[in-house]
């Protein structure tokens, strides 16, 4: 009897507890947040990052860089911080950075650089140690969710043991949420950020689901791995198809591991509404000084890379829009008017000048520029972009018909309907007066692969050429892993390398080069041994 009364009392107590204690709902994201593949502000406006990285941890005195970057129309700055691998940035310094971001009306992506190349580079920190750093500076970040993004760790794995990236990243996100961070989180890919083994691409949904706030954006770094349009579009397509948010968290116009296709990176980012952040403002060393956008932190001394990313087609000046959190204006959903039919003049074997009647924009964000496309069936390639109603096209093929049209775009990213098309044909450009040869040198090799660098292409004719194509056959079991300074495709074991836009023109006797990386079965010692070349 006593036992039965005890059970009844326990049951009643359990019922009362269940009525009084309701499971807490998952916290909704605050401030900047993701919705599908897009980043939104707190008011629901879409925000597309257009910015550059600034190496603050090594140049803490260059605080004027925030204003200078903003003056060139960037809406985002990615700020390099360190917890001790390099000069440490404590809570007071981070608070000052946050103040500079707000003062200059910039969305800031704060990244911990300590994790760079973990597993391959000596001294690199783990993602777990990166979370410890963020915990130590949390007081400087409380209440900044509207304009601060936390990039947990820069390029957190090199090329070793990259399969561990998924669990380590999931754990880091879980810890950040457990510490109370409600910010939009950014996670970098392994393989030095370039994800050439597709670890991040293939496990992105798992990692995203681990975030209780579903507020994580993925970051791909595009350097030599992304040297062709096909590689760039394929990677972006994967995230677009999955409906997951992605930004191009770093990219350059050149790099030691190959030549990135920055034109495609920027045009694809613009057409898809994907954010991009170029590397980097100034202060590069160690042989990559060519990645400086300005010389000696002087905004009046833009380098060629700086001119390209700020003022070029699909660049920051033409496409950046300030976050509405800073009073950047309301939502603009009105597309510009349709531009006039383009007319062609000055047609040569490799170029033409197009002009058209200008569009107008009444949506409030202002006319930002024009994109010129080639009509080519299901997929129309972008030939170029301009901020005015004319453009000088270059890099066209001789004796080729081009059917072109124009679309206008405004500051909010709205595109007009397409103009009527116009057709012109490039001239033949005369004969080549000969041909070309190609010869490759195996620069390095290991049991599972090798690098051929350089493959030297030489014009053996008596007059200049405007293009070249090199073909070679991979040994059985070998496959192409990467390339640079050429547009490379493969079909079975046959590889075709065509000149890039900048190295196709060769004077008689002139030469240029490109390189490839090849994988092969372990223990196989064969390499590519012969090449054929055709000039155009």
Protein backbone atom coordinates (compact mmCIF):
# COMPACT_ATOMS: atom_id res chain seq x y z
CA UNK A 1 0.00 0.00 0.00
CA UNK A 2 2.70 2.40 0.96
CA UNK A 3 4.59 1.41 -2.15
CA UNK A 4 1.55 1.98 -4.39
CA UNK A 5 0.91 5.43 -2.84
CA UNK A 6 4.56 6.27 -3.43
CA UNK A 7 4.30 5.38 -7.10
CA UNK A 8 1.14 7.44 -7.50
CA UNK A 9 2.77 10.44 -5.84
CA UNK A 10 5.78 10.11 -8.10
CA UNK A 11 3.56 9.93 -11.17
CA UNK A 12 1.65 13.04 -10.06
CA UNK A 13 4.89 14.90 -9.45
CA UNK A 14 6.17 13.88 -12.86
CA UNK A 15 2.96 15.16 -14.49
CA UNK A 16 3.22 18.50 -12.69
CA UNK A 17 6.87 18.90 -13.71
CA UNK A 18 6.03 18.10 -17.34
CA UNK A 19 3.32 20.76 -17.28
CA UNK A 20 5.61 23.41 -15.80
CA UNK A 21 8.77 22.73 -17.78
CA UNK A 22 8.45 23.28 -21.53
CA UNK A 23 11.45 22.42 -23.73
CA UNK A 24 13.18 25.65 -24.82
CA UNK A 25 12.90 26.31 -28.54
CA UNK A 26 16.07 26.58 -30.63
CA UNK A 27 17.35 30.15 -30.68
CA UNK A 28 16.47 32.02 -33.86
CA UNK A 29 19.39 33.70 -35.58
CA UNK A 30 19.78 37.41 -34.92
CA UNK A 31 21.50 40.07 -37.02
CA UNK A 32 23.14 38.79 -40.19
CA UNK A 33 21.77 35.37 -41.05
CA UNK A 34 21.44 32.90 -43.88
CA UNK A 35 18.27 31.98 -45.71
CA UNK A 36 18.78 29.17 -48.18
CA UNK A 37 21.83 30.15 -50.23
CA UNK A 38 21.59 33.86 -49.39
CA UNK A 39 22.86 36.09 -46.60
CA UNK A 40 20.24 38.43 -45.17
CA UNK A 41 20.41 41.40 -42.85
CA UNK A 42 18.22 41.50 -39.76
CA UNK A 43 15.53 43.42 -41.70
CA UNK A 44 15.37 40.71 -44.37
CA UNK A 45 17.31 42.59 -47.06
CA UNK A 46 19.74 40.46 -49.04
CA UNK A 47 23.40 41.34 -48.47
CA UNK A 48 26.14 40.41 -50.96
CA UNK A 49 29.72 40.78 -49.75
CA UNK A 50 32.03 42.83 -51.94
CA UNK A 51 35.26 43.36 -50.11
CA UNK A 52 38.93 42.71 -49.43
CA UNK A 53 41.07 41.23 -46.68
CA UNK A 54 43.25 43.40 -44.44
CA UNK A 55 46.23 41.88 -42.57
CA UNK A 56 45.53 43.72 -39.31
CA UNK A 57 47.46 41.38 -37.04
CA UNK A 58 50.76 42.30 -38.73
CA UNK A 59 49.88 45.96 -39.33
CA UNK A 60 47.89 47.10 -36.31
CA UNK A 61 48.95 50.72 -36.86
CA UNK A 62 47.31 50.84 -40.31
CA UNK A 63 43.88 51.65 -38.92
CA UNK A 64 43.31 54.17 -41.71
CA UNK A 65 42.96 51.22 -44.08
CA UNK A 66 39.35 50.72 -43.01
CA UNK A 67 38.36 54.19 -44.24
CA UNK A 68 40.48 53.85 -47.38
CA UNK A 69 38.92 50.54 -48.30
CA UNK A 70 35.46 51.98 -47.70
CA UNK A 71 36.29 55.00 -49.89
CA UNK A 72 36.85 52.59 -52.78
CA UNK A 73 33.25 51.37 -52.32
CA UNK A 74 33.86 48.05 -50.55
CA UNK A 75 31.03 46.99 -48.24
CA UNK A 76 33.03 44.27 -46.44
CA UNK A 77 36.48 43.91 -44.89
CA UNK A 78 37.89 40.57 -43.77
CA UNK A 79 40.18 41.30 -40.84
CA UNK A 80 43.12 39.03 -40.01
CA UNK A 81 43.46 38.34 -36.27
CA UNK A 82 45.69 36.05 -34.21
CA UNK A 83 45.52 34.47 -30.80
CA UNK A 84 49.26 33.98 -30.47
CA UNK A 85 50.75 32.23 -33.48
CA UNK A 86 51.43 35.73 -34.75
CA UNK A 87 51.22 39.04 -32.81
CA UNK A 88 48.15 38.47 -30.65
CA UNK A 89 45.04 40.64 -30.85
CA UNK A 90 43.39 40.80 -27.44
CA UNK A 91 39.90 41.91 -26.51
CA UNK A 92 40.78 45.62 -26.42
CA UNK A 93 42.29 45.53 -29.90
CA UNK A 94 39.33 43.57 -31.26
CA UNK A 95 36.99 46.14 -29.69
CA UNK A 96 38.87 48.86 -31.56
CA UNK A 97 38.53 46.91 -34.82
CA UNK A 98 34.79 46.56 -34.19
CA UNK A 99 34.58 50.32 -33.63
CA UNK A 100 36.40 50.99 -36.92
CA UNK A 101 34.00 48.66 -38.73
CA UNK A 102 30.93 50.47 -37.37
CA UNK A 103 32.46 53.92 -37.87
CA UNK A 104 33.26 53.18 -41.52
CA UNK A 105 29.93 51.47 -42.22
CA UNK A 106 31.54 48.15 -43.09
CA UNK A 107 30.43 44.59 -42.55
CA UNK A 108 33.53 42.97 -41.03
CA UNK A 109 34.48 39.32 -41.22
CA UNK A 110 36.85 38.68 -38.33
CA UNK A 111 39.06 35.66 -38.96
CA UNK A 112 41.52 33.77 -36.78
CA UNK A 113 44.61 33.15 -38.90
CA UNK A 114 46.29 30.79 -36.42
CA UNK A 115 44.75 27.67 -37.99
CA UNK A 116 46.27 28.21 -41.44
CA UNK A 117 47.58 24.93 -42.87
CA UNK A 118 47.01 22.80 -39.77
CA UNK A 119 48.42 19.29 -40.18
CA UNK A 120 50.89 20.41 -42.82
CA UNK A 121 52.42 23.65 -41.58
CA UNK A 122 54.44 23.68 -38.36
CA UNK A 123 52.97 25.81 -35.61
CA UNK A 124 49.40 25.85 -36.92
CA UNK A 125 46.64 25.84 -34.30
CA UNK A 126 43.64 23.53 -34.19
CA UNK A 127 40.08 24.73 -34.69
CA UNK A 128 39.50 23.91 -31.03
CA UNK A 129 42.25 26.39 -30.11
CA UNK A 130 40.63 28.93 -32.43
CA UNK A 131 37.39 28.62 -30.46
CA UNK A 132 39.39 29.24 -27.27
CA UNK A 133 40.58 32.50 -28.85
CA UNK A 134 37.07 33.61 -29.73
CA UNK A 135 36.00 32.85 -26.17
CA UNK A 136 38.79 35.12 -24.88
CA UNK A 137 37.59 38.11 -26.95
CA UNK A 138 33.86 37.50 -26.68
CA UNK A 139 33.34 40.64 -24.55
CA UNK A 140 34.36 42.76 -27.58
CA UNK A 141 31.81 41.07 -29.83
CA UNK A 142 28.65 40.98 -27.74
CA UNK A 143 25.80 42.79 -29.50
CA UNK A 144 27.62 43.10 -32.85
CA UNK A 145 25.64 40.47 -34.75
CA UNK A 146 24.25 43.02 -37.22
CA UNK A 147 27.65 43.82 -38.76
CA UNK A 148 30.24 41.30 -37.57
CA UNK A 149 30.77 37.81 -39.02
CA UNK A 150 33.03 35.36 -37.16
CA UNK A 151 35.27 33.35 -39.50
CA UNK A 152 36.27 30.64 -37.00
CA UNK A 153 39.61 29.68 -38.54
CA UNK A 154 41.48 30.52 -41.75
CA UNK A 155 42.28 27.57 -44.06
CA UNK A 156 42.12 25.19 -41.08
CA UNK A 157 43.70 22.18 -42.78
CA UNK A 158 46.50 21.86 -45.31
CA UNK A 159 46.52 18.82 -47.59
CA UNK A 160 47.02 16.22 -44.85
CA UNK A 161 44.25 14.29 -43.06
CA UNK A 162 41.59 16.56 -44.55
CA UNK A 163 38.84 14.04 -43.77
CA UNK A 164 39.12 15.23 -40.14
CA UNK A 165 37.88 18.68 -41.25
CA UNK A 166 34.21 17.72 -40.99
CA UNK A 167 34.27 16.59 -37.38
CA UNK A 168 36.59 19.41 -36.30
CA UNK A 169 34.45 22.06 -37.96
CA UNK A 170 31.22 20.60 -36.57
CA UNK A 171 32.75 20.58 -33.09
CA UNK A 172 33.94 24.18 -33.44
CA UNK A 173 30.48 25.40 -34.48
CA UNK A 174 28.86 23.52 -31.59
CA UNK A 175 31.31 25.02 -29.11
CA UNK A 176 30.79 28.55 -30.48
CA UNK A 177 27.04 28.25 -30.00
CA UNK A 178 27.55 26.77 -26.54
CA UNK A 179 29.65 29.81 -25.63
CA UNK A 180 26.73 32.05 -26.56
CA UNK A 181 27.90 33.38 -29.94
CA UNK A 182 24.87 34.26 -32.05
CA UNK A 183 26.82 35.70 -34.96
CA UNK A 184 26.74 34.49 -38.52
CA UNK A 185 29.62 32.00 -38.54
CA UNK A 186 31.92 31.44 -41.52
CA UNK A 187 33.92 28.23 -42.02
CA UNK A 188 36.81 27.84 -44.45
CA UNK A 189 37.50 24.80 -46.59
CA UNK A 190 40.49 22.48 -46.07
CA UNK A 191 43.25 21.99 -48.68
CA UNK A 192 44.53 25.46 -47.81
CA UNK A 193 41.01 26.75 -48.37
CA UNK A 194 40.70 25.40 -51.92
CA UNK A 195 38.84 22.14 -51.22
CA UNK A 196 40.32 20.36 -54.22
CA UNK A 197 39.41 17.02 -52.60
CA UNK A 198 35.81 18.30 -52.16
CA UNK A 199 35.65 17.52 -48.44
CA UNK A 200 33.71 20.68 -47.62
CA UNK A 201 31.52 20.45 -50.69
CA UNK A 202 30.47 16.90 -49.93
CA UNK A 203 29.92 17.30 -46.17
CA UNK A 204 28.52 20.85 -46.15
CA UNK A 205 24.97 19.77 -45.33
CA UNK A 206 26.17 17.74 -42.33
CA UNK A 207 28.18 20.67 -41.03
CA UNK A 208 25.32 23.12 -41.62
CA UNK A 209 22.88 20.89 -39.75
CA UNK A 210 25.21 20.83 -36.74
CA UNK A 211 24.60 24.54 -36.19
CA UNK A 212 21.59 24.86 -33.87
CA UNK A 213 20.89 28.28 -35.36
CA UNK A 214 21.37 27.14 -38.98
CA UNK A 215 23.46 30.26 -39.44
CA UNK A 216 26.75 29.15 -41.00
CA UNK A 217 28.14 30.25 -44.37
CA UNK A 218 30.84 28.28 -46.19
CA UNK A 219 33.96 29.94 -47.60
CA UNK A 220 35.97 28.72 -50.58
CA UNK A 221 39.36 30.23 -51.42
CA UNK A 222 40.02 30.37 -55.16
CA UNK A 223 43.62 30.38 -56.34
CA UNK A 224 45.46 28.02 -58.71
CA UNK A 225 42.95 25.19 -58.28
CA UNK A 226 40.34 27.45 -59.86
CA UNK A 227 42.11 28.41 -63.06
CA UNK A 228 39.31 27.48 -65.49
CA UNK A 229 35.72 28.60 -65.87
CA UNK A 230 34.56 24.98 -65.75
CA UNK A 231 36.11 24.39 -62.31
CA UNK A 232 34.68 27.62 -60.92
CA UNK A 233 31.15 27.13 -62.21
CA UNK A 234 31.07 23.46 -61.18
CA UNK A 235 31.97 24.33 -57.58
CA UNK A 236 29.47 27.18 -57.36
CA UNK A 237 26.81 24.98 -58.97
CA UNK A 238 27.23 22.34 -56.27
CA UNK A 239 26.32 24.76 -53.48
CA UNK A 240 23.59 26.41 -55.51
CA UNK A 241 21.99 23.02 -56.20
CA UNK A 242 22.26 22.08 -52.52
CA UNK A 243 20.70 25.39 -51.50
CA UNK A 244 23.58 26.14 -49.12
CA UNK A 245 25.25 29.53 -48.56
CA UNK A 246 28.72 30.06 -50.02
CA UNK A 247 31.07 33.01 -50.35
CA UNK A 248 34.39 33.29 -52.17
CA UNK A 249 36.31 34.17 -49.02
CA UNK A 250 39.65 34.72 -50.76
CA UNK A 251 40.86 34.91 -54.35
CA UNK A 252 43.56 36.60 -56.37
CA UNK A 253 44.55 37.36 -59.94
CA UNK A 254 47.67 35.21 -59.78
CA UNK A 255 49.33 32.77 -57.40
CA UNK A 256 52.31 30.51 -56.98
CA UNK A 257 50.16 27.40 -57.50
CA UNK A 258 48.66 28.64 -60.78
CA UNK A 259 46.74 31.48 -62.37
CA UNK A 260 43.18 31.89 -61.03
CA UNK A 261 40.50 32.88 -63.53
CA UNK A 262 39.50 36.04 -61.70
CA UNK A 263 37.28 37.21 -64.56
CA UNK A 264 35.04 34.15 -64.25
CA UNK A 265 35.18 34.25 -60.44
CA UNK A 266 33.89 37.81 -60.39
CA UNK A 267 31.35 37.48 -63.20
CA UNK A 268 29.88 34.28 -61.75
CA UNK A 269 29.73 35.80 -58.29
CA UNK A 270 27.86 38.79 -59.67
CA UNK A 271 25.38 36.81 -61.75
CA UNK A 272 24.63 34.42 -58.85
CA UNK A 273 24.52 36.96 -56.03
CA UNK A 274 27.50 35.30 -54.31
CA UNK A 275 29.81 37.37 -52.12
CA UNK A 276 33.52 37.71 -52.79
CA UNK A 277 36.47 38.98 -50.74
CA UNK A 278 39.78 39.53 -52.52
CA UNK A 279 43.20 38.99 -50.99
CA UNK A 280 44.50 41.49 -49.97
CA UNK A 281 44.75 45.23 -49.33
CA UNK A 282 48.52 45.61 -48.76
CA UNK A 283 51.54 44.25 -46.91
CA UNK A 284 52.02 40.87 -48.61
CA UNK A 285 55.47 39.28 -48.49
CA UNK A 286 57.21 35.99 -49.04
CA UNK A 287 57.04 36.16 -52.82
CA UNK A 288 53.36 37.02 -53.18
CA UNK A 289 53.72 40.78 -53.12
CA UNK A 290 51.84 40.79 -56.43
CA UNK A 291 48.65 40.23 -54.39
CA UNK A 292 48.87 43.74 -52.91
CA UNK A 293 45.95 45.88 -54.14
CA UNK A 294 47.70 49.11 -53.18
CA UNK A 295 51.37 49.90 -52.69
CA UNK A 296 52.50 50.58 -49.11
CA UNK A 297 48.88 51.01 -47.89
CA UNK A 298 48.49 54.06 -50.14
CA UNK A 299 44.94 54.12 -51.61
CA UNK A 300 46.13 56.43 -54.38
CA UNK A 301 48.64 53.82 -55.56
CA UNK A 302 46.46 51.04 -56.91
CA UNK A 303 48.33 48.09 -58.38
CA UNK A 304 47.08 46.27 -61.47
CA UNK A 305 45.32 43.81 -59.15
CA UNK A 306 43.79 46.71 -57.25
CA UNK A 307 42.56 48.31 -60.45
CA UNK A 308 41.03 45.00 -61.51
CA UNK A 309 39.13 44.19 -58.35
CA UNK A 310 37.94 47.71 -57.59
CA UNK A 311 37.40 49.28 -61.01
CA UNK A 312 37.21 46.35 -63.45
CA UNK A 313 34.23 44.42 -64.83
CA UNK A 314 32.06 43.03 -62.01
CA UNK A 315 34.38 44.81 -59.60
CA UNK A 316 33.67 46.37 -56.25
CA UNK A 317 32.90 49.88 -57.51
CA UNK A 318 30.31 48.60 -59.97
CA UNK A 319 28.62 45.96 -57.81
CA UNK A 320 29.02 46.80 -54.12
CA UNK A 321 26.03 47.96 -52.08
CA UNK A 322 26.32 49.20 -48.50
CA UNK A 323 24.49 47.23 -45.83
CA UNK A 324 21.14 48.79 -44.97
CA UNK A 325 22.07 48.43 -41.27
CA UNK A 326 24.21 51.53 -41.83
CA UNK A 327 21.38 53.39 -43.57
CA UNK A 328 22.24 52.17 -47.06
CA UNK A 329 18.65 52.55 -48.27
CA UNK A 330 15.55 50.44 -48.67
CA UNK A 331 14.86 47.42 -50.79
CA UNK A 332 15.11 47.97 -54.56
CA UNK A 333 13.28 45.36 -56.62
CA UNK A 334 12.84 47.44 -59.79
CA UNK A 335 15.07 46.41 -62.68
CA UNK A 336 16.62 49.01 -65.03
CA UNK A 337 15.05 49.62 -68.43
CA UNK A 338 16.17 47.51 -71.37
CA UNK A 339 19.30 48.86 -73.10
CA UNK A 340 19.38 49.54 -76.82
CA UNK A 341 20.60 47.11 -79.46
CA UNK A 342 24.41 47.03 -79.47
CA UNK A 343 26.20 48.14 -82.63
CA UNK A 344 29.70 46.93 -83.54
CA UNK A 345 32.60 49.00 -84.87
CA UNK A 346 36.35 48.57 -85.20
CA UNK A 347 36.02 44.82 -85.71
CA UNK A 348 39.37 43.01 -85.89
CA UNK A 349 40.45 39.37 -85.74
CA UNK A 350 40.38 39.46 -81.92
CA UNK A 351 38.17 42.35 -80.86
CA UNK A 352 35.35 44.83 -81.48
CA UNK A 353 33.88 47.96 -79.91
CA UNK A 354 30.19 47.82 -79.01
CA UNK A 355 27.90 50.75 -78.18
CA UNK A 356 24.20 50.88 -77.26
CA UNK A 357 21.55 53.27 -75.97
CA UNK A 358 21.76 53.72 -72.21
CA UNK A 359 19.27 52.32 -69.69
CA UNK A 360 17.66 54.21 -66.82
CA UNK A 361 16.94 53.05 -63.27
CA UNK A 362 14.07 54.22 -61.06
CA UNK A 363 14.38 51.73 -58.17
CA UNK A 364 16.59 53.91 -56.00
CA UNK A 365 19.87 51.97 -55.99
CA UNK A 366 21.12 53.55 -59.22
CA UNK A 367 22.38 52.16 -62.52
CA UNK A 368 25.56 50.16 -61.83
CA UNK A 369 26.59 48.96 -65.29
CA UNK A 370 26.05 46.59 -68.19
CA UNK A 371 26.89 42.98 -69.01
CA UNK A 372 27.50 41.86 -72.60
CA UNK A 373 26.67 38.24 -73.49
CA UNK A 374 27.14 36.02 -76.51
CA UNK A 375 23.99 34.24 -77.66
CA UNK A 376 25.04 30.60 -77.68
CA UNK A 377 22.12 28.31 -76.88
CA UNK A 378 21.39 27.11 -73.35
CA UNK A 379 24.40 28.84 -71.76
CA UNK A 380 25.33 32.33 -72.94
CA UNK A 381 28.90 33.24 -71.92
CA UNK A 382 29.63 36.69 -70.53
CA UNK A 383 31.98 38.55 -72.90
CA UNK A 384 32.55 41.56 -70.66
CA UNK A 385 31.08 44.22 -68.37
CA UNK A 386 31.15 47.99 -68.45
CA UNK A 387 29.99 50.88 -66.29
CA UNK A 388 29.17 52.92 -69.44
CA UNK A 389 27.10 52.19 -72.58
CA UNK A 390 30.10 50.99 -74.58
CA UNK A 391 32.75 48.30 -74.29
CA UNK A 392 35.92 47.26 -76.13
CA UNK A 393 35.85 43.46 -76.44
CA UNK A 394 39.18 41.62 -76.64
CA UNK A 395 40.27 37.99 -76.85
CA UNK A 396 37.80 37.04 -79.59
CA UNK A 397 38.55 34.27 -82.09
CA UNK A 398 39.43 35.08 -85.73
CA UNK A 399 36.90 34.42 -88.52
CA UNK A 400 34.12 33.80 -85.98
CA UNK A 401 30.53 35.02 -85.94
CA UNK A 402 29.34 36.59 -82.67
CA UNK A 403 25.69 37.26 -81.84
CA UNK A 404 25.63 39.56 -78.83
CA UNK A 405 23.15 41.26 -76.49
CA UNK A 406 23.31 43.54 -73.43
CA UNK A 407 21.64 43.54 -70.00
CA UNK A 408 21.75 46.46 -67.56
CA UNK A 409 22.04 46.03 -63.77
CA UNK A 410 21.50 48.32 -60.80
CA UNK A 411 23.15 48.69 -57.41
CA UNK A 412 20.79 46.15 -55.87
CA UNK A 413 21.76 43.49 -58.41
CA UNK A 414 18.54 43.63 -60.45
CA UNK A 415 19.10 42.89 -64.14
CA UNK A 416 17.11 44.27 -67.04
CA UNK A 417 15.64 42.16 -69.79
CA UNK A 418 18.02 41.43 -72.64
CA UNK A 419 18.43 43.89 -75.49
CA UNK A 420 17.86 42.85 -79.06
CA UNK A 421 20.82 40.96 -80.55
CA UNK A 422 23.34 42.11 -83.12
CA UNK A 423 25.67 39.91 -85.16
CA UNK A 424 29.19 40.64 -86.38
CA UNK A 425 32.07 38.48 -87.66
CA UNK A 426 35.72 38.92 -86.72
CA UNK A 427 38.29 39.17 -89.49
CA UNK A 428 40.65 36.36 -90.43
CA UNK A 429 43.73 38.16 -89.20
CA UNK A 430 45.92 36.71 -91.94
CA UNK A 431 47.90 33.48 -91.98
CA UNK A 432 50.01 32.20 -89.15
CA UNK A 433 53.07 31.67 -91.30
CA UNK A 434 53.91 28.43 -89.53
CA UNK A 435 53.16 26.44 -86.42
CA UNK A 436 54.35 25.80 -82.91
CA UNK A 437 56.02 23.21 -80.73
CA UNK A 438 55.54 22.18 -77.11
CA UNK A 439 57.97 20.51 -74.72
CA UNK A 440 57.39 19.62 -71.08
CA UNK A 441 59.70 19.27 -68.08
CA UNK A 442 58.80 17.13 -65.05
CA UNK A 443 59.52 19.54 -62.21
CA UNK A 444 58.78 17.18 -59.30
CA UNK A 445 57.24 13.77 -58.75
CA UNK A 446 56.24 11.37 -55.99
CA UNK A 447 54.69 7.91 -55.83
CA UNK A 448 51.15 9.18 -56.39
CA UNK A 449 51.70 11.98 -58.89
CA UNK A 450 53.91 14.59 -60.55
CA UNK A 451 54.05 18.19 -61.74
CA UNK A 452 54.97 19.13 -65.31
CA UNK A 453 56.28 22.71 -65.23
CA UNK A 454 57.02 24.31 -67.57
CA UNK A 455 55.35 23.06 -70.71
CA UNK A 456 57.02 25.51 -73.09
CA UNK A 457 55.08 26.57 -76.19
CA UNK A 458 57.19 28.13 -78.96
CA UNK A 459 56.00 29.86 -82.15
CA UNK A 460 58.12 28.24 -84.88
CA UNK A 461 56.50 30.25 -87.69
CA UNK A 462 57.65 33.38 -89.51
CA UNK A 463 54.86 35.63 -88.23
CA UNK A 464 52.91 36.13 -85.03
CA UNK A 465 50.10 33.87 -83.81
CA UNK A 466 47.06 34.80 -81.69
CA UNK A 467 46.43 31.41 -80.11
CA UNK A 468 47.76 27.89 -79.56
CA UNK A 469 46.46 24.46 -78.60
CA UNK A 470 48.60 21.72 -77.05
CA UNK A 471 47.43 18.12 -76.76
CA UNK A 472 48.99 15.19 -74.93
CA UNK A 473 48.01 11.74 -73.71
CA UNK A 474 48.11 10.68 -70.07
CA UNK A 475 49.47 7.19 -69.33
CA UNK A 476 46.85 4.60 -68.32
CA UNK A 477 45.57 5.16 -64.79
CA UNK A 478 46.75 8.78 -64.67
CA UNK A 479 44.36 11.71 -64.28
CA UNK A 480 44.58 15.49 -64.39
CA UNK A 481 44.64 17.09 -60.90
CA UNK A 482 45.24 20.75 -61.72
CA UNK A 483 46.62 23.25 -64.21
CA UNK A 484 47.73 26.86 -64.54
CA UNK A 485 48.36 29.45 -67.27
CA UNK A 486 46.15 27.58 -69.76
CA UNK A 487 42.55 26.46 -70.21
CA UNK A 488 42.78 22.70 -69.83
CA UNK A 489 40.16 20.03 -70.54
CA UNK A 490 40.36 16.25 -70.68
CA UNK A 491 38.47 13.50 -72.48
CA UNK A 492 39.50 10.04 -71.39
CA UNK A 493 43.30 10.10 -71.37
CA UNK A 494 43.55 12.92 -73.94
CA UNK A 495 44.27 16.35 -72.49
CA UNK A 496 43.82 19.59 -74.45
CA UNK A 497 45.43 22.82 -73.24
CA UNK A 498 44.49 26.10 -74.90
CA UNK A 499 46.10 29.47 -74.30
CA UNK A 500 44.71 31.75 -71.61
CA UNK A 501 43.50 35.21 -72.58
CA UNK A 502 46.86 36.78 -71.77
CA UNK A 503 49.40 34.38 -73.34
CA UNK A 504 47.98 33.41 -76.73
CA UNK A 505 49.73 36.08 -78.77
CA UNK A 506 53.27 35.02 -79.64
CA UNK A 507 55.64 36.78 -82.01
CA UNK A 508 57.68 34.69 -84.44
CA UNK A 509 60.16 32.76 -82.30
CA UNK A 510 58.36 33.80 -79.12
CA UNK A 511 57.39 31.39 -76.34
CA UNK A 512 55.23 31.04 -73.25
CA UNK A 513 54.51 28.24 -70.79
CA UNK A 514 51.90 26.52 -68.66
CA UNK A 515 51.86 23.72 -66.11
CA UNK A 516 49.81 20.71 -64.99
CA UNK A 517 49.62 18.39 -62.00
CA UNK A 518 48.81 14.72 -62.57
CA UNK A 519 47.88 11.92 -60.19
CA UNK A 520 48.92 8.29 -60.83
CA UNK A 521 48.68 4.90 -59.10
CA UNK A 522 51.12 4.40 -56.24
CA UNK A 523 54.43 2.96 -57.43
CA UNK A 524 53.82 3.93 -61.07
CA UNK A 525 56.79 5.91 -62.44
CA UNK A 526 55.42 6.84 -65.88
CA UNK A 527 54.97 10.51 -66.87
CA UNK A 528 53.69 12.43 -69.89
CA UNK A 529 56.35 12.14 -72.58
CA UNK A 530 55.17 13.82 -75.81
CA UNK A 531 53.12 16.84 -76.88
CA UNK A 532 51.62 18.20 -80.10
CA UNK A 533 50.96 21.87 -80.79
CA UNK A 534 48.76 23.77 -83.25
CA UNK A 535 48.79 27.56 -83.76
CA UNK A 536 45.93 29.82 -84.81
